[in-house]
Amino acid sequence: MCRSWISNQLPSGCLERRLYEDVMAPTQLLLVEKWRDQKAVNSYLSSERFRALIGAIKVLGQLVDVRISESRVIETGSGECGNQS
């Protein structure tokens, strides 16, 4: 199960951002972002905004992992947490 929040204040080049909370462990969060291109990702990862986010996570809790992965849509549909495009 998940709860999802969609941010409306996106960094430049970020097309979509979703924050998921584990309902069984509410202090565990998953941030999923969709980016325009690799250049936009690289720019964000070297930005003060990203460093501030990581710093806040370290102060407020425990940073487990920062992972970057690519995905591609092989079929569209809707699920419990919305359309995953």
C-alpha atoms as a PDB file:
ATOM      1  CA  MET A   1       0.000   0.000   0.000  1.00  0.00           C
ATOM      2  CA  CYS A   2       1.155   3.517  -0.647  1.00  0.00           C
ATOM      3  CA  ARG A   3       0.051   7.051  -0.191  1.00  0.00           C
ATOM      4  CA  SER A   4       1.181   9.458  -2.876  1.00  0.00           C
ATOM      5  CA  TRP A   5       1.652  13.206  -2.927  1.00  0.00           C
ATOM      6  CA  ILE A   6       2.313  15.080  -6.139  1.00  0.00           C
ATOM      7  CA  SER A   7       4.420  18.210  -5.893  1.00  0.00           C
ATOM      8  CA  ASN A   8       3.490  21.301  -7.873  1.00  0.00           C
ATOM      9  CA  GLN A   9       6.830  23.065  -7.328  1.00  0.00           C
ATOM     10  CA  LEU A  10       9.111  21.171  -9.674  1.00  0.00           C
ATOM     11  CA  PRO A  11      12.771  21.898 -10.365  1.00  0.00           C
ATOM     12  CA  SER A  12      13.583  23.050 -13.889  1.00  0.00           C
ATOM     13  CA  GLY A  13      13.463  20.083 -16.264  1.00  0.00           C
ATOM     14  CA  CYS A  14      11.494  17.875 -13.867  1.00  0.00           C
ATOM     15  CA  LEU A  15       8.267  16.783 -15.534  1.00  0.00           C
ATOM     16  CA  GLU A  16       6.749  14.920 -12.601  1.00  0.00           C
ATOM     17  CA  ARG A  17       7.501  14.290  -8.935  1.00  0.00           C
ATOM     18  CA  ARG A  18       5.755  11.857  -6.624  1.00  0.00           C
ATOM     19  CA  LEU A  19       6.488  11.201  -2.985  1.00  0.00           C
ATOM     20  CA  TYR A  20       5.346   7.873  -1.597  1.00  0.00           C
ATOM     21  CA  GLU A  21       4.977   7.058   2.085  1.00  0.00           C
ATOM     22  CA  ASP A  22       5.128   3.483   3.319  1.00  0.00           C
ATOM     23  CA  VAL A  23       1.897   3.117   5.290  1.00  0.00           C
ATOM     24  CA  MET A  24       3.434   0.424   7.483  1.00  0.00           C
ATOM     25  CA  ALA A  25       6.559   2.502   8.188  1.00  0.00           C
ATOM     26  CA  PRO A  26       5.572   6.170   7.718  1.00  0.00           C
ATOM     27  CA  THR A  27       9.121   7.445   8.210  1.00  0.00           C
ATOM     28  CA  GLN A  28      10.194   5.611   5.049  1.00  0.00           C
ATOM     29  CA  LEU A  29       9.649   7.658   1.902  1.00  0.00           C
ATOM     30  CA  LEU A  30      10.262   7.098  -1.791  1.00  0.00           C
ATOM     31  CA  LEU A  31      10.687  10.062  -4.130  1.00  0.00           C
ATOM     32  CA  VAL A  32      10.115   9.293  -7.825  1.00  0.00           C
ATOM     33  CA  GLU A  33      10.793  11.901 -10.482  1.00  0.00           C
ATOM     34  CA  LYS A  34      10.426  12.009 -14.263  1.00  0.00           C
ATOM     35  CA  TRP A  35      12.938  14.221 -16.090  1.00  0.00           C
ATOM     36  CA  ARG A  36      13.009  15.853 -19.519  1.00  0.00           C
ATOM     37  CA  ASP A  37      16.521  14.552 -20.272  1.00  0.00           C
ATOM     38  CA  GLN A  38      19.829  13.529 -18.697  1.00  0.00           C
ATOM     39  CA  LYS A  39      21.149  17.099 -18.844  1.00  0.00           C
ATOM     40  CA  ALA A  40      18.279  18.269 -16.614  1.00  0.00           C
ATOM     41  CA  VAL A  41      18.954  15.441 -14.130  1.00  0.00           C
ATOM     42  CA  ASN A  42      22.667  16.276 -13.970  1.00  0.00           C
ATOM     43  CA  SER A  43      21.916  19.956 -13.477  1.00  0.00           C
ATOM     44  CA  TYR A  44      19.565  19.207 -10.582  1.00  0.00           C
ATOM     45  CA  LEU A  45      21.966  16.758  -8.924  1.00  0.00           C
ATOM     46  CA  SER A  46      24.644  19.453  -8.822  1.00  0.00           C
ATOM     47  CA  SER A  47      22.254  22.179  -7.608  1.00  0.00           C
ATOM     48  CA  GLU A  48      21.969  23.830  -4.219  1.00  0.00           C
ATOM     49  CA  ARG A  49      18.312  22.750  -4.131  1.00  0.00           C
ATOM     50  CA  PHE A  50      19.293  19.067  -4.288  1.00  0.00           C
ATOM     51  CA  ARG A  51      22.044  19.505  -1.665  1.00  0.00           C
ATOM     52  CA  ALA A  52      19.500  21.217   0.603  1.00  0.00           C
ATOM     53  CA  LEU A  53      17.067  18.306   0.157  1.00  0.00           C
ATOM     54  CA  ILE A  54      19.723  15.742   1.079  1.00  0.00           C
ATOM     55  CA  GLY A  55      20.815  17.883   4.026  1.00  0.00           C
ATOM     56  CA  ALA A  56      17.250  18.148   5.327  1.00  0.00           C
ATOM     57  CA  ILE A  57      16.782  14.396   5.059  1.00  0.00           C
ATOM     58  CA  LYS A  58      19.987  13.793   7.033  1.00  0.00           C
ATOM     59  CA  VAL A  59      18.954  16.279   9.734  1.00  0.00           C
ATOM     60  CA  LEU A  60      15.359  15.063  10.036  1.00  0.00           C
ATOM     61  CA  GLY A  61      15.923  11.359   9.623  1.00  0.00           C
ATOM     62  CA  GLN A  62      18.173   8.817   8.008  1.00  0.00           C
ATOM     63  CA  LEU A  63      19.218   8.806   4.359  1.00  0.00           C
ATOM     64  CA  VAL A  64      19.179   5.210   3.188  1.00  0.00           C
ATOM     65  CA  ASP A  65      19.915   5.453  -0.539  1.00  0.00           C
ATOM     66  CA  VAL A  66      19.974   7.847  -3.427  1.00  0.00           C
ATOM     67  CA  ARG A  67      19.368   5.780  -6.556  1.00  0.00           C
ATOM     68  CA  ILE A  68      18.954   6.771 -10.162  1.00  0.00           C
ATOM     69  CA  SER A  69      17.347   4.399 -12.596  1.00  0.00           C
ATOM     70  CA  GLU A  70      15.752   4.601 -15.994  1.00  0.00           C
ATOM     71  CA  SER A  71      12.473   3.071 -16.961  1.00  0.00           C
ATOM     72  CA  ARG A  72      10.291   2.838 -20.009  1.00  0.00           C
ATOM     73  CA  VAL A  73       6.564   2.365 -20.322  1.00  0.00           C
ATOM     74  CA  ILE A  74       5.668  -0.947 -21.949  1.00  0.00           C
ATOM     75  CA  GLU A  75       1.926  -0.703 -21.339  1.00  0.00           C
ATOM     76  CA  THR A  76      -0.276   2.038 -19.958  1.00  0.00           C
ATOM     77  CA  GLY A  77      -3.166   1.660 -17.591  1.00  0.00           C
ATOM     78  CA  SER A  78      -4.393   2.867 -14.256  1.00  0.00           C
ATOM     79  CA  GLY A  79      -3.627   1.458 -10.870  1.00  0.00           C
ATOM     80  CA  GLU A  80      -4.556   2.153  -7.269  1.00  0.00           C
ATOM     81  CA  CYS A  81      -2.075   5.059  -7.058  1.00  0.00           C
ATOM     82  CA  GLY A  82      -3.019   6.528 -10.443  1.00  0.00           C
ATOM     83  CA  ASN A  83      -1.810   6.269 -13.992  1.00  0.00           C
ATOM     84  CA  GLN A  84       1.888   5.463 -13.991  1.00  0.00           C
ATOM     85  CA  SER A  85       3.083   7.041 -17.244  1.00  0.00           C
END
